[in-house]
Structures are given as structure tokens and as C-alpha cells.
């Protein structure tokens, strides 16, 4: 991947969303604005279809909604933080870190590589704490890109 997977333009600190649908839409809009997606509604439909089969909220206050789609022009991870939390269906409660993974359908293993690398990182409380404490989108983007994109 020649471009960073996360940039300050696709990070939202203290996202103003009450539902997972609102949060995913706001992050996907950032991807559209950054030229990383070609169709908002079609991509949101792909994420929603994925979410129907398996909630993407995981233990530790994290959610990883994602979808592979030909609408994705650049493999990306849009990131949102929230102190109030948003319900993504995790057994231990609301999510405070949201990572929207957008990968091209033709990207072979790109989707699984990003998902696997991110999943390994978020298992570490120190990584989650660093992101939750950070208020600068540029720093969040740097941390995620540095730690997830190898």
C-alpha cells in the first residue's frame, strides 16, 4: 500500500453520533470526502449487510465495522473516538473506539491483512488507551498507520 491507511482527514475525535448507523455514516462520509470511496450509500449498504450477520463490537470498547467493495479506491481505516460510547453489539458494552475498514473487493488479502493487524493491536490495552487519550486527529492517524500498516 503506497498511501497511508489512515490520515487526519478520516479521523473524528469525539464523534457526535448516537447509533452505530450514524457513526458508520459519518466515517464513510469522511472516506468519500477524502476520495477513498466512490459511493456512500452503496458502501453503507455493504457495511450494514456485514453487520447483520455478525455484530462488529468487540470486547474492550472497540468496534470494527467493515466491508470489501469495488467502491473503495484506497484501502483505508477511518477512526472515531467517543467518551460516551456507541452500541455496536459487544457483550461488554458500548464502543469508544470505532475503526471503519474499507478495502477494495479486488484487493485479494488486503481486507484480511488490515483486519488481522488491527485485531492484534487492539488486544493490547496500552494501544487502546493511547488512542482514547489522544485528541489530535493527526496523532491518531499516525498511531494507527504506524501500528497497523506494515
Foldseek 3Di string as FASTA:
>chain_A
DPDFQAALLQEAEADPDAAPLVVLLVSLVSCVVVVQFQDRVVQSVQLVVVLVVPQQDEPPQEGEGEGAAQRGPDWHWRKYAHPVFYDRPYPVDGHGIYIYTYHHPPPVCPRVLQVVQVVVQSVDNVLVVVLNPDDRSRVNSVSSRVRRPD
